[in-house]
Protein backbone atom coordinates (compact mmCIF):
# COMPACT_ATOMS: atom_id res chain seq x y z
CA MET A 1 -0.57 16.62 -10.14
CA GLY A 2 -1.18 19.60 -12.39
CA LYS A 3 -3.70 21.03 -9.92
CA LEU A 4 -1.14 21.37 -7.10
CA LYS A 5 0.35 24.80 -6.58
CA LYS A 6 4.13 24.86 -6.48
CA ASP A 7 4.22 26.65 -3.11
CA ASP A 8 2.17 24.05 -1.22
CA ILE A 9 4.96 22.01 0.34
CA SER A 10 2.57 20.27 2.73
CA LYS A 11 0.41 19.08 -0.16
CA LEU A 12 3.46 17.87 -2.05
CA GLY A 13 4.59 15.94 1.03
CA HIS A 14 1.13 14.41 1.31
CA LYS A 15 1.35 13.32 -2.33
CA ILE A 16 4.71 11.64 -1.64
CA ASN A 17 3.19 9.75 1.28
CA GLN A 18 0.26 8.61 -0.88
CA LEU A 19 2.64 7.28 -3.52
CA LYS A 20 4.74 5.48 -0.89
CA LYS A 21 1.61 3.78 0.46
CA ARG A 22 0.64 2.67 -3.04
CA ILE A 23 4.12 1.26 -3.61
CA SER A 24 4.01 -0.76 -0.39
CA ARG A 25 0.53 -2.10 -1.17
CA THR A 26 1.51 -3.17 -4.69
CA GLU A 27 4.68 -4.85 -3.46
CA ILE A 28 2.60 -6.87 -0.99
CA SER A 29 0.11 -7.90 -3.67
CA GLY A 30 2.90 -8.73 -6.12
CA ASN A 31 1.83 -6.33 -8.87
CA THR A 32 5.01 -4.33 -9.38
CA SER A 33 4.33 -2.96 -12.85
CA LYS A 34 3.89 0.69 -11.77
CA VAL A 35 6.36 0.80 -8.88
CA GLU A 36 9.17 2.32 -10.95
CA PHE A 37 6.86 5.03 -12.32
CA ARG A 38 5.71 5.94 -8.80
CA LYS A 39 9.29 6.09 -7.54
CA MET A 40 10.09 8.40 -10.43
CA ARG A 41 7.19 10.67 -9.47
CA ILE A 42 8.36 10.74 -5.84
CA ASN A 43 11.81 11.89 -6.98
CA LYS A 44 10.24 14.54 -9.21
CA ILE A 45 8.18 15.92 -6.31
CA LYS A 46 11.25 15.93 -4.03
CA LYS A 47 13.11 18.00 -6.62
CA GLN A 48 10.21 20.47 -6.69
CA ILE A 49 10.32 20.80 -2.90
CA LYS A 50 14.09 21.46 -3.00
CA GLU A 51 13.58 24.16 -5.63
CA ILE A 52 10.87 25.84 -3.55
CA LEU A 53 13.05 25.81 -0.44
CA ALA A 54 16.01 27.20 -2.39
CA LYS A 55 13.87 30.06 -3.69
CA LYS A 56 12.61 30.86 -0.18
CA LYS A 57 16.17 30.96 1.19
CA LYS A 58 17.26 33.43 -1.49
CA LYS A 59 14.53 35.91 -0.52
């Protein structure tokens, strides 16, 4: 995720969707070892998006 620019909200949203797909696939297969980590990353990306939107509103 280090390669993503902070201002690319569409790319961040795409990353969230990728992680959600991985979570659903792992829950189907029964391998839930990384689900919590992926949920944590989704929350981290959502916080980044909120910060970006807050900065744009201030301008």
